[in-house]
Amino acid sequence: MSQRFRGYLPVVVDVETGGFNEATDALLQIAAVIIDIDESGRLYCTETVSCHVNPFEGANLDPKSMEVNGIEVDHPFRLAMDEKQALPKIFKPVRNAIKKQGCNKAILVGHNAHFDLKFINAAAVRSGIKRNPFHPFSTFDTVTLSGLAYGQTVLARSIQSAGMEWDSREAHSAVYDAEMTATLFCKIVNDFGFLQP
């Protein structure tokens, strides 16, 4: 893996939030899928880590966003944690995978990846976390890759165009969206393996 993407480890991330502004809107769910590579150079998904997150103090919860993600912030079985506890839970296995695979840093893979990265970065700053394992601004975006590979940019349509099934009842769960995005990313990279150095 350390040779495949210039020393970067691709990690697929999806977040669910209380809006679109990372500075004012709550981060509510995080899921990350670790990617590995086999002896033939094909990527595959390994571990998924996730957690529910408590809104930071004063965070906005936009009603339209909450309607889309269906998260009940005060649900007694949500078992959410503050950002300061949630991020290390996600970052630790990412750091372990970076070390195990001989990479220098993780690179966030996402569907509209900049959105996920800006929420992760903002939460890390709020939490005083200085060792964020992700590259601060570079990403791999499956919107672009799916547009190239299938002529589709919507995640559900990209998944279906790739020959996989999409369950709309599970959509907008960070774990489901991250795992489907990870599967899509691996498929595109593997199918276009002729690009491998």
N, C-alpha and C. Protein backbone atom coordinates (compact mmCIF):
# COMPACT_ATOMS: atom_id res chain seq x y z
N MET A 1 0.82 -1.20 0.00
CA MET A 1 0.00 0.00 0.00
C MET A 1 0.86 1.26 0.00
N SER A 2 2.00 1.20 0.69
CA SER A 2 2.84 2.39 0.77
C SER A 2 3.34 2.84 -0.60
N GLN A 3 3.38 1.91 -1.56
CA GLN A 3 3.83 2.25 -2.90
C GLN A 3 2.68 2.64 -3.83
N ARG A 4 1.45 2.28 -3.44
CA ARG A 4 0.32 2.45 -4.36
C ARG A 4 -0.11 3.90 -4.51
N PHE A 5 -0.14 4.65 -3.40
CA PHE A 5 -0.62 6.03 -3.43
C PHE A 5 0.38 6.98 -2.77
N ARG A 6 1.64 6.87 -3.19
CA ARG A 6 2.68 7.79 -2.70
C ARG A 6 2.78 7.86 -1.19
N GLY A 7 2.62 6.74 -0.53
CA GLY A 7 2.76 6.70 0.92
C GLY A 7 1.50 7.05 1.69
N TYR A 8 0.40 7.28 0.98
CA TYR A 8 -0.87 7.58 1.64
C TYR A 8 -1.71 6.32 1.77
N LEU A 9 -2.37 6.20 2.91
CA LEU A 9 -3.32 5.10 3.15
C LEU A 9 -4.73 5.63 2.93
N PRO A 10 -5.46 5.11 1.94
CA PRO A 10 -6.84 5.56 1.78
C PRO A 10 -7.73 5.02 2.89
N VAL A 11 -8.47 5.92 3.54
CA VAL A 11 -9.44 5.56 4.57
C VAL A 11 -10.75 6.24 4.21
N VAL A 12 -11.80 5.44 4.08
CA VAL A 12 -13.09 5.97 3.65
C VAL A 12 -13.85 6.47 4.87
N VAL A 13 -14.31 7.71 4.79
CA VAL A 13 -14.99 8.34 5.92
C VAL A 13 -16.34 8.88 5.48
N ASP A 14 -17.33 8.70 6.34
CA ASP A 14 -18.61 9.38 6.15
C ASP A 14 -19.01 9.98 7.49
N VAL A 15 -19.53 11.20 7.45
CA VAL A 15 -20.06 11.85 8.64
C VAL A 15 -21.51 12.22 8.40
N GLU A 16 -22.28 12.20 9.48
CA GLU A 16 -23.63 12.75 9.48
C GLU A 16 -23.60 13.97 10.39
N THR A 17 -24.27 15.03 9.96
CA THR A 17 -24.14 16.31 10.64
C THR A 17 -25.48 17.00 10.80
N GLY A 18 -25.46 18.07 11.57
CA GLY A 18 -26.66 18.88 11.78
C GLY A 18 -26.77 20.03 10.82
N GLY A 19 -26.02 20.01 9.74
CA GLY A 19 -26.04 21.07 8.74
C GLY A 19 -24.82 21.00 7.86
N PHE A 20 -24.54 22.08 7.15
CA PHE A 20 -23.46 22.09 6.16
C PHE A 20 -22.24 22.89 6.60
N ASN A 21 -22.34 23.61 7.70
CA ASN A 21 -21.26 24.49 8.15
C ASN A 21 -20.50 23.83 9.29
N GLU A 22 -19.26 23.46 9.03
CA GLU A 22 -18.45 22.74 10.03
C GLU A 22 -18.16 23.58 11.27
N ALA A 23 -18.23 24.90 11.15
CA ALA A 23 -17.92 25.77 12.28
C ALA A 23 -19.11 25.92 13.23
N THR A 24 -20.33 25.79 12.70
CA THR A 24 -21.51 26.06 13.52
C THR A 24 -22.42 24.85 13.71
N ASP A 25 -22.35 23.87 12.81
CA ASP A 25 -23.30 22.76 12.82
C ASP A 25 -22.68 21.51 13.45
N ALA A 26 -23.53 20.73 14.12
CA ALA A 26 -23.06 19.58 14.91
C ALA A 26 -22.54 18.45 14.03
N LEU A 27 -21.47 17.83 14.48
CA LEU A 27 -21.01 16.53 13.97
C LEU A 27 -21.70 15.47 14.81
N LEU A 28 -22.45 14.56 14.17
CA LEU A 28 -23.33 13.63 14.91
C LEU A 28 -22.95 12.16 14.77
N GLN A 29 -22.35 11.78 13.67
CA GLN A 29 -21.89 10.40 13.46
C GLN A 29 -20.61 10.43 12.63
N ILE A 30 -19.72 9.49 12.94
CA ILE A 30 -18.51 9.29 12.13
C ILE A 30 -18.36 7.80 11.89
N ALA A 31 -18.03 7.44 10.66
CA ALA A 31 -17.65 6.06 10.35
C ALA A 31 -16.43 6.10 9.44
N ALA A 32 -15.50 5.19 9.67
CA ALA A 32 -14.30 5.09 8.85
C ALA A 32 -14.06 3.63 8.48
N VAL A 33 -13.73 3.40 7.23
CA VAL A 33 -13.44 2.05 6.73
C VAL A 33 -11.98 2.02 6.29
N ILE A 34 -11.22 1.11 6.90
CA ILE A 34 -9.80 0.94 6.57
C ILE A 34 -9.69 0.08 5.31
N ILE A 35 -8.82 0.50 4.41
CA ILE A 35 -8.59 -0.22 3.14
C ILE A 35 -7.24 -0.92 3.21
N ASP A 36 -7.19 -2.12 2.65
CA ASP A 36 -5.93 -2.87 2.57
C ASP A 36 -5.73 -3.29 1.11
N ILE A 37 -4.60 -3.91 0.85
CA ILE A 37 -4.26 -4.33 -0.51
C ILE A 37 -3.74 -5.76 -0.47
N ASP A 38 -4.14 -6.57 -1.45
CA ASP A 38 -3.67 -7.96 -1.45
C ASP A 38 -2.40 -8.10 -2.30
N GLU A 39 -1.91 -9.33 -2.40
CA GLU A 39 -0.64 -9.55 -3.08
C GLU A 39 -0.69 -9.21 -4.56
N SER A 40 -1.89 -9.23 -5.14
CA SER A 40 -2.01 -8.91 -6.57
C SER A 40 -2.26 -7.42 -6.80
N GLY A 41 -2.29 -6.63 -5.72
CA GLY A 41 -2.48 -5.20 -5.86
C GLY A 41 -3.93 -4.74 -5.85
N ARG A 42 -4.84 -5.65 -5.49
CA ARG A 42 -6.26 -5.28 -5.44
C ARG A 42 -6.63 -4.78 -4.05
N LEU A 43 -7.41 -3.71 -4.02
CA LEU A 43 -7.84 -3.14 -2.75
C LEU A 43 -9.05 -3.87 -2.21
N TYR A 44 -9.17 -3.90 -0.88
CA TYR A 44 -10.36 -4.48 -0.25
C TYR A 44 -10.58 -3.80 1.10
N CYS A 45 -11.82 -3.87 1.57
CA CYS A 45 -12.20 -3.25 2.84
C CYS A 45 -11.87 -4.19 3.99
N THR A 46 -11.37 -3.60 5.08
CA THR A 46 -11.11 -4.41 6.26
C THR A 46 -12.02 -3.94 7.39
N GLU A 47 -11.46 -3.20 8.33
CA GLU A 47 -12.16 -2.82 9.55
C GLU A 47 -13.01 -1.56 9.37
N THR A 48 -14.20 -1.57 9.97
CA THR A 48 -15.03 -0.37 10.07
C THR A 48 -15.08 0.06 11.53
N VAL A 49 -14.80 1.34 11.77
CA VAL A 49 -14.94 1.90 13.11
C VAL A 49 -15.93 3.05 13.04
N SER A 50 -16.73 3.20 14.09
CA SER A 50 -17.76 4.25 14.04
C SER A 50 -18.14 4.67 15.45
N CYS A 51 -18.78 5.82 15.53
CA CYS A 51 -19.34 6.27 16.80
C CYS A 51 -20.36 7.37 16.56
N HIS A 52 -21.28 7.48 17.52
CA HIS A 52 -22.21 8.60 17.57
C HIS A 52 -21.54 9.71 18.36
N VAL A 53 -21.84 10.94 17.98
CA VAL A 53 -21.16 12.08 18.58
C VAL A 53 -22.19 13.05 19.16
N ASN A 54 -21.92 13.52 20.38
CA ASN A 54 -22.75 14.56 20.97
C ASN A 54 -22.47 15.89 20.29
N PRO A 55 -23.51 16.69 20.04
CA PRO A 55 -23.26 18.03 19.49
C PRO A 55 -22.38 18.83 20.44
N PHE A 56 -21.43 19.58 19.88
CA PHE A 56 -20.60 20.42 20.74
C PHE A 56 -21.45 21.56 21.29
N GLU A 57 -20.98 22.16 22.35
CA GLU A 57 -21.76 23.20 23.03
C GLU A 57 -22.09 24.35 22.07
N GLY A 58 -23.37 24.66 21.95
CA GLY A 58 -23.82 25.73 21.07
C GLY A 58 -23.99 25.32 19.62
N ALA A 59 -23.82 24.04 19.32
CA ALA A 59 -23.91 23.57 17.94
C ALA A 59 -25.33 23.70 17.40
N ASN A 60 -25.41 24.01 16.12
CA ASN A 60 -26.68 24.13 15.42
C ASN A 60 -27.14 22.75 14.91
N LEU A 61 -28.45 22.51 14.99
CA LEU A 61 -29.06 21.32 14.42
C LEU A 61 -30.15 21.80 13.46
N ASP A 62 -29.79 21.87 12.19
CA ASP A 62 -30.74 22.36 11.19
C ASP A 62 -31.86 21.34 11.00
N PRO A 63 -33.12 21.76 11.13
CA PRO A 63 -34.24 20.80 11.02
C PRO A 63 -34.25 20.03 9.70
N LYS A 64 -33.87 20.67 8.60
CA LYS A 64 -33.86 19.97 7.30
C LYS A 64 -32.81 18.86 7.29
N SER A 65 -31.64 19.14 7.84
CA SER A 65 -30.58 18.12 7.90
C SER A 65 -31.00 16.97 8.82
N MET A 66 -31.64 17.32 9.93
CA MET A 66 -32.06 16.29 10.88
C MET A 66 -33.16 15.41 10.28
N GLU A 67 -33.98 15.98 9.44
CA GLU A 67 -35.02 15.19 8.77
C GLU A 67 -34.40 14.19 7.81
N VAL A 68 -33.34 14.62 7.11
CA VAL A 68 -32.66 13.74 6.15
C VAL A 68 -31.93 12.61 6.86
N ASN A 69 -31.16 12.93 7.92
CA ASN A 69 -30.35 11.87 8.56
C ASN A 69 -31.14 11.05 9.58
N GLY A 70 -32.28 11.55 10.04
CA GLY A 70 -33.14 10.78 10.95
C GLY A 70 -32.55 10.53 12.32
N ILE A 71 -31.53 11.27 12.71
CA ILE A 71 -30.88 11.06 14.00
C ILE A 71 -31.70 11.73 15.10
N GLU A 72 -31.95 10.97 16.15
CA GLU A 72 -32.59 11.51 17.36
C GLU A 72 -31.49 11.75 18.38
N VAL A 73 -31.06 12.98 18.49
CA VAL A 73 -29.90 13.33 19.31
C VAL A 73 -30.06 12.89 20.76
N ASP A 74 -31.28 12.96 21.28
CA ASP A 74 -31.51 12.64 22.70
C ASP A 74 -31.97 11.20 22.94
N HIS A 75 -31.87 10.35 21.92
CA HIS A 75 -32.32 8.96 22.08
C HIS A 75 -31.47 8.28 23.15
N PRO A 76 -32.10 7.60 24.12
CA PRO A 76 -31.34 7.02 25.24
C PRO A 76 -30.37 5.91 24.85
N PHE A 77 -30.59 5.25 23.70
CA PHE A 77 -29.71 4.16 23.28
C PHE A 77 -28.69 4.60 22.23
N ARG A 78 -28.60 5.90 22.01
CA ARG A 78 -27.66 6.40 21.01
C ARG A 78 -26.20 6.23 21.44
N LEU A 79 -25.95 6.27 22.73
CA LEU A 79 -24.62 6.04 23.30
C LEU A 79 -23.56 6.92 22.64
N ALA A 80 -23.88 8.19 22.51
CA ALA A 80 -22.96 9.13 21.87
C ALA A 80 -21.87 9.57 22.85
N MET A 81 -20.78 10.05 22.28
CA MET A 81 -19.67 10.58 23.08
C MET A 81 -19.29 11.95 22.55
N ASP A 82 -18.62 12.72 23.39
CA ASP A 82 -18.16 14.04 22.96
C ASP A 82 -17.08 13.91 21.89
N GLU A 83 -16.91 14.97 21.11
CA GLU A 83 -15.92 14.95 20.03
C GLU A 83 -14.53 14.56 20.54
N LYS A 84 -14.19 15.02 21.73
CA LYS A 84 -12.85 14.77 22.30
C LYS A 84 -12.60 13.29 22.54
N GLN A 85 -13.68 12.51 22.78
CA GLN A 85 -13.55 11.06 22.93
C GLN A 85 -13.78 10.33 21.60
N ALA A 86 -14.66 10.89 20.77
CA ALA A 86 -15.03 10.23 19.51
C ALA A 86 -13.87 10.20 18.52
N LEU A 87 -13.19 11.32 18.35
CA LEU A 87 -12.12 11.37 17.35
C LEU A 87 -10.99 10.39 17.65
N PRO A 88 -10.49 10.30 18.89
CA PRO A 88 -9.46 9.28 19.15
C PRO A 88 -9.93 7.85 18.87
N LYS A 89 -11.22 7.59 19.08
CA LYS A 89 -11.75 6.25 18.79
C LYS A 89 -11.62 5.94 17.30
N ILE A 90 -11.79 6.95 16.46
CA ILE A 90 -11.64 6.78 15.01
C ILE A 90 -10.17 6.85 14.60
N PHE A 91 -9.44 7.80 15.17
CA PHE A 91 -8.06 8.03 14.74
C PHE A 91 -7.11 6.91 15.11
N LYS A 92 -7.32 6.25 16.26
CA LYS A 92 -6.36 5.23 16.71
C LYS A 92 -6.24 4.07 15.70
N PRO A 93 -7.35 3.44 15.27
CA PRO A 93 -7.18 2.37 14.28
C PRO A 93 -6.64 2.86 12.94
N VAL A 94 -6.91 4.12 12.60
CA VAL A 94 -6.34 4.68 11.37
C VAL A 94 -4.83 4.78 11.51
N ARG A 95 -4.36 5.30 12.65
CA ARG A 95 -2.91 5.39 12.88
C ARG A 95 -2.26 4.00 12.88
N ASN A 96 -2.94 3.03 13.50
CA ASN A 96 -2.41 1.66 13.52
C ASN A 96 -2.26 1.10 12.11
N ALA A 97 -3.25 1.37 11.26
CA ALA A 97 -3.21 0.88 9.88
C ALA A 97 -2.11 1.58 9.09
N ILE A 98 -1.93 2.88 9.32
CA ILE A 98 -0.85 3.62 8.66
C ILE A 98 0.49 2.97 8.98
N LYS A 99 0.70 2.70 10.26
CA LYS A 99 1.96 2.10 10.70
C LYS A 99 2.12 0.69 10.12
N LYS A 100 1.07 -0.11 10.21
CA LYS A 100 1.12 -1.50 9.74
C LYS A 100 1.44 -1.58 8.25
N GLN A 101 0.89 -0.64 7.48
CA GLN A 101 1.06 -0.71 6.03
C GLN A 101 2.23 0.13 5.52
N GLY A 102 3.00 0.71 6.45
CA GLY A 102 4.20 1.44 6.06
C GLY A 102 3.91 2.74 5.35
N CYS A 103 2.77 3.34 5.64
CA CYS A 103 2.40 4.60 5.00
C CYS A 103 2.81 5.77 5.89
N ASN A 104 2.74 6.98 5.33
CA ASN A 104 3.12 8.18 6.06
C ASN A 104 1.92 8.88 6.69
N LYS A 105 0.77 8.81 6.02
CA LYS A 105 -0.41 9.54 6.46
C LYS A 105 -1.61 8.91 5.79
N ALA A 106 -2.79 9.15 6.37
CA ALA A 106 -4.03 8.71 5.74
C ALA A 106 -4.52 9.80 4.78
N ILE A 107 -5.22 9.37 3.76
CA ILE A 107 -5.89 10.31 2.87
C ILE A 107 -7.37 9.95 2.88
N LEU A 108 -8.20 10.94 3.17
CA LEU A 108 -9.62 10.69 3.31
C LEU A 108 -10.26 10.43 1.95
N VAL A 109 -11.00 9.33 1.88
CA VAL A 109 -11.80 9.00 0.71
C VAL A 109 -13.25 9.22 1.10
N GLY A 110 -14.00 9.91 0.26
CA GLY A 110 -15.40 10.13 0.58
C GLY A 110 -16.20 10.47 -0.66
N HIS A 111 -17.51 10.43 -0.51
CA HIS A 111 -18.39 10.86 -1.59
C HIS A 111 -18.74 12.31 -1.28
N ASN A 112 -18.17 13.23 -2.03
CA ASN A 112 -18.07 14.65 -1.66
C ASN A 112 -17.14 14.77 -0.46
N ALA A 113 -15.92 14.29 -0.66
CA ALA A 113 -14.94 14.10 0.42
C ALA A 113 -14.60 15.38 1.16
N HIS A 114 -14.61 16.50 0.48
CA HIS A 114 -14.25 17.76 1.15
C HIS A 114 -15.20 18.04 2.31
N PHE A 115 -16.48 17.70 2.14
CA PHE A 115 -17.48 17.91 3.19
C PHE A 115 -17.09 17.14 4.45
N ASP A 116 -16.77 15.85 4.29
CA ASP A 116 -16.40 15.02 5.45
C ASP A 116 -15.11 15.51 6.09
N LEU A 117 -14.13 15.85 5.26
CA LEU A 117 -12.83 16.28 5.79
C LEU A 117 -12.96 17.58 6.58
N LYS A 118 -13.76 18.52 6.10
CA LYS A 118 -13.85 19.80 6.82
C LYS A 118 -14.51 19.61 8.19
N PHE A 119 -15.46 18.68 8.32
CA PHE A 119 -16.06 18.41 9.63
C PHE A 119 -15.07 17.70 10.56
N ILE A 120 -14.30 16.75 10.02
CA ILE A 120 -13.29 16.07 10.83
C ILE A 120 -12.24 17.06 11.31
N ASN A 121 -11.75 17.91 10.40
CA ASN A 121 -10.73 18.89 10.77
C ASN A 121 -11.23 19.89 11.81
N ALA A 122 -12.47 20.37 11.64
CA ALA A 122 -13.02 21.34 12.58
C ALA A 122 -13.19 20.71 13.97
N ALA A 123 -13.65 19.47 14.02
CA ALA A 123 -13.81 18.78 15.30
C ALA A 123 -12.46 18.55 15.97
N ALA A 124 -11.45 18.23 15.17
CA ALA A 124 -10.11 18.02 15.73
C ALA A 124 -9.58 19.32 16.34
N VAL A 125 -9.81 20.43 15.68
CA VAL A 125 -9.37 21.73 16.22
C VAL A 125 -10.12 22.04 17.51
N ARG A 126 -11.45 21.85 17.50
CA ARG A 126 -12.24 22.12 18.72
C ARG A 126 -11.78 21.26 19.88
N SER A 127 -11.35 20.03 19.58
CA SER A 127 -10.96 19.08 20.62
C SER A 127 -9.50 19.23 21.04
N GLY A 128 -8.76 20.11 20.37
CA GLY A 128 -7.35 20.29 20.70
C GLY A 128 -6.48 19.13 20.28
N ILE A 129 -6.93 18.36 19.29
CA ILE A 129 -6.16 17.20 18.80
C ILE A 129 -5.17 17.69 17.76
N LYS A 130 -3.90 17.54 18.05
CA LYS A 130 -2.87 18.04 17.15
C LYS A 130 -2.40 16.99 16.14
N ARG A 131 -2.59 15.72 16.46
CA ARG A 131 -2.10 14.66 15.58
C ARG A 131 -3.26 14.05 14.78
N ASN A 132 -3.81 14.81 13.87
CA ASN A 132 -4.84 14.32 12.97
C ASN A 132 -4.16 13.45 11.92
N PRO A 133 -4.55 12.18 11.78
CA PRO A 133 -3.84 11.29 10.85
C PRO A 133 -4.12 11.56 9.37
N PHE A 134 -5.13 12.39 9.08
CA PHE A 134 -5.52 12.64 7.70
C PHE A 134 -4.75 13.82 7.10
N HIS A 135 -4.45 13.70 5.81
CA HIS A 135 -3.88 14.84 5.09
C HIS A 135 -4.82 16.02 5.27
N PRO A 136 -4.28 17.22 5.53
CA PRO A 136 -5.15 18.34 5.89
C PRO A 136 -6.07 18.83 4.78
N PHE A 137 -5.74 18.57 3.51
CA PHE A 137 -6.60 19.08 2.45
C PHE A 137 -6.76 18.16 1.24
N SER A 138 -5.87 17.23 1.03
CA SER A 138 -5.99 16.33 -0.12
C SER A 138 -6.97 15.20 0.18
N THR A 139 -7.74 14.80 -0.82
CA THR A 139 -8.72 13.72 -0.67
C THR A 139 -8.80 12.91 -1.97
N PHE A 140 -9.40 11.74 -1.87
CA PHE A 140 -9.88 11.01 -3.05
C PHE A 140 -11.40 11.09 -2.99
N ASP A 141 -12.02 11.57 -4.06
CA ASP A 141 -13.47 11.78 -4.06
C ASP A 141 -14.14 10.81 -5.02
N THR A 142 -15.02 9.98 -4.47
CA THR A 142 -15.71 9.01 -5.33
C THR A 142 -16.76 9.66 -6.23
N VAL A 143 -17.12 10.91 -5.98
CA VAL A 143 -17.97 11.62 -6.94
C VAL A 143 -17.24 11.74 -8.27
N THR A 144 -16.00 12.21 -8.21
CA THR A 144 -15.20 12.37 -9.41
C THR A 144 -14.90 11.02 -10.06
N LEU A 145 -14.49 10.05 -9.23
CA LEU A 145 -14.16 8.73 -9.77
C LEU A 145 -15.37 8.06 -10.41
N SER A 146 -16.55 8.21 -9.79
CA SER A 146 -17.76 7.61 -10.34
C SER A 146 -18.19 8.32 -11.62
N GLY A 147 -18.00 9.64 -11.65
CA GLY A 147 -18.29 10.37 -12.88
C GLY A 147 -17.43 9.87 -14.02
N LEU A 148 -16.16 9.61 -13.74
CA LEU A 148 -15.24 9.09 -14.75
C LEU A 148 -15.61 7.66 -15.16
N ALA A 149 -15.86 6.82 -14.16
CA ALA A 149 -16.07 5.39 -14.42
C ALA A 149 -17.46 5.07 -14.96
N TYR A 150 -18.49 5.74 -14.43
CA TYR A 150 -19.87 5.34 -14.73
C TYR A 150 -20.75 6.46 -15.26
N GLY A 151 -20.24 7.69 -15.28
CA GLY A 151 -21.08 8.80 -15.70
C GLY A 151 -22.12 9.19 -14.67
N GLN A 152 -21.90 8.78 -13.41
CA GLN A 152 -22.84 9.07 -12.32
C GLN A 152 -22.10 9.79 -11.20
N THR A 153 -22.82 10.68 -10.50
CA THR A 153 -22.21 11.39 -9.38
C THR A 153 -22.96 11.18 -8.06
N VAL A 154 -24.22 10.76 -8.11
CA VAL A 154 -24.99 10.47 -6.90
C VAL A 154 -24.56 9.10 -6.39
N LEU A 155 -24.35 8.97 -5.08
CA LEU A 155 -23.83 7.71 -4.53
C LEU A 155 -24.70 6.52 -4.89
N ALA A 156 -26.01 6.63 -4.68
CA ALA A 156 -26.91 5.50 -4.96
C ALA A 156 -26.81 5.07 -6.42
N ARG A 157 -26.81 6.03 -7.32
CA ARG A 157 -26.74 5.70 -8.76
C ARG A 157 -25.37 5.16 -9.14
N SER A 158 -24.33 5.67 -8.49
CA SER A 158 -22.98 5.16 -8.75
C SER A 158 -22.87 3.70 -8.33
N ILE A 159 -23.41 3.39 -7.15
CA ILE A 159 -23.40 2.02 -6.65
C ILE A 159 -24.14 1.10 -7.61
N GLN A 160 -25.30 1.51 -8.04
CA GLN A 160 -26.10 0.70 -8.96
C GLN A 160 -25.42 0.55 -10.31
N SER A 161 -24.79 1.62 -10.79
CA SER A 161 -24.08 1.54 -12.07
C SER A 161 -22.86 0.62 -11.98
N ALA A 162 -22.34 0.47 -10.77
CA ALA A 162 -21.20 -0.43 -10.57
C ALA A 162 -21.65 -1.89 -10.41
N GLY A 163 -22.98 -2.13 -10.50
CA GLY A 163 -23.49 -3.49 -10.42
C GLY A 163 -23.78 -3.97 -9.01
N MET A 164 -23.86 -3.04 -8.07
CA MET A 164 -24.13 -3.40 -6.68
C MET A 164 -25.52 -2.91 -6.29
N GLU A 165 -26.03 -3.46 -5.18
CA GLU A 165 -27.36 -3.08 -4.71
C GLU A 165 -27.26 -1.95 -3.70
N TRP A 166 -28.25 -1.07 -3.73
CA TRP A 166 -28.34 0.07 -2.82
C TRP A 166 -29.63 -0.03 -2.03
N ASP A 167 -29.54 0.05 -0.72
CA ASP A 167 -30.71 0.00 0.16
C ASP A 167 -31.00 1.41 0.65
N SER A 168 -32.01 2.05 0.08
CA SER A 168 -32.31 3.44 0.43
C SER A 168 -32.77 3.58 1.88
N ARG A 169 -33.23 2.48 2.49
CA ARG A 169 -33.65 2.54 3.90
C ARG A 169 -32.44 2.68 4.82
N GLU A 170 -31.29 2.24 4.39
CA GLU A 170 -30.07 2.31 5.20
C GLU A 170 -29.28 3.59 4.94
N ALA A 171 -29.59 4.30 3.86
CA ALA A 171 -28.84 5.49 3.47
C ALA A 171 -28.90 6.55 4.56
N HIS A 172 -27.88 7.39 4.59
CA HIS A 172 -27.72 8.47 5.57
C HIS A 172 -27.45 7.94 6.98
N SER A 173 -26.94 6.71 7.03
CA SER A 173 -26.28 6.20 8.23
C SER A 173 -24.79 6.25 7.90
N ALA A 174 -23.99 6.80 8.79
CA ALA A 174 -22.57 6.96 8.49
C ALA A 174 -21.92 5.62 8.16
N VAL A 175 -22.27 4.56 8.90
CA VAL A 175 -21.65 3.25 8.66
C VAL A 175 -22.04 2.73 7.28
N TYR A 176 -23.32 2.76 6.94
CA TYR A 176 -23.77 2.23 5.65
C TYR A 176 -23.13 3.02 4.50
N ASP A 177 -23.20 4.33 4.58
CA ASP A 177 -22.67 5.16 3.50
C ASP A 177 -21.16 4.98 3.36
N ALA A 178 -20.45 4.88 4.49
CA ALA A 178 -19.00 4.69 4.43
C ALA A 178 -18.64 3.33 3.83
N GLU A 179 -19.35 2.29 4.24
CA GLU A 179 -19.03 0.96 3.71
C GLU A 179 -19.38 0.85 2.23
N MET A 180 -20.47 1.46 1.81
CA MET A 180 -20.81 1.43 0.39
C MET A 180 -19.82 2.26 -0.43
N THR A 181 -19.43 3.40 0.11
CA THR A 181 -18.44 4.24 -0.58
C THR A 181 -17.10 3.51 -0.67
N ALA A 182 -16.72 2.80 0.39
CA ALA A 182 -15.47 2.04 0.38
C ALA A 182 -15.50 0.94 -0.66
N THR A 183 -16.62 0.23 -0.73
CA THR A 183 -16.76 -0.83 -1.73
C THR A 183 -16.67 -0.26 -3.14
N LEU A 184 -17.32 0.87 -3.34
CA LEU A 184 -17.28 1.54 -4.64
C LEU A 184 -15.86 1.99 -4.99
N PHE A 185 -15.17 2.59 -4.03
CA PHE A 185 -13.79 3.04 -4.27
C PHE A 185 -12.90 1.87 -4.66
N CYS A 186 -12.98 0.78 -3.89
CA CYS A 186 -12.15 -0.40 -4.20
C CYS A 186 -12.46 -0.93 -5.60
N LYS A 187 -13.74 -1.00 -5.94
CA LYS A 187 -14.13 -1.52 -7.26
C LYS A 187 -13.56 -0.66 -8.38
N ILE A 188 -13.70 0.65 -8.25
CA ILE A 188 -13.20 1.53 -9.30
C ILE A 188 -11.68 1.40 -9.44
N VAL A 189 -10.96 1.45 -8.31
CA VAL A 189 -9.49 1.33 -8.37
C VAL A 189 -9.09 -0.02 -8.94
N ASN A 190 -9.77 -1.10 -8.51
CA ASN A 190 -9.42 -2.43 -8.99
C ASN A 190 -9.74 -2.60 -10.47
N ASP A 191 -10.89 -2.07 -10.90
CA ASP A 191 -11.28 -2.21 -12.31
C ASP A 191 -10.39 -1.40 -13.23
N PHE A 192 -9.83 -0.29 -12.71
CA PHE A 192 -8.94 0.52 -13.50
C PHE A 192 -7.50 0.28 -13.08
N GLY A 193 -7.20 -0.96 -12.76
CA GLY A 193 -5.89 -1.34 -12.24
C GLY A 193 -4.75 -1.10 -13.19
N PHE A 194 -5.06 -0.90 -14.49
CA PHE A 194 -4.01 -0.62 -15.44
C PHE A 194 -3.30 0.70 -15.13
N LEU A 195 -3.93 1.53 -14.28
CA LEU A 195 -3.31 2.80 -13.89
C LEU A 195 -2.23 2.61 -12.83
N GLN A 196 -2.20 1.40 -12.25
CA GLN A 196 -1.24 1.15 -11.17
C GLN A 196 0.19 1.23 -11.70
N PRO A 197 1.08 1.91 -10.96
CA PRO A 197 2.48 2.02 -11.43
C PRO A 197 3.19 0.68 -11.41
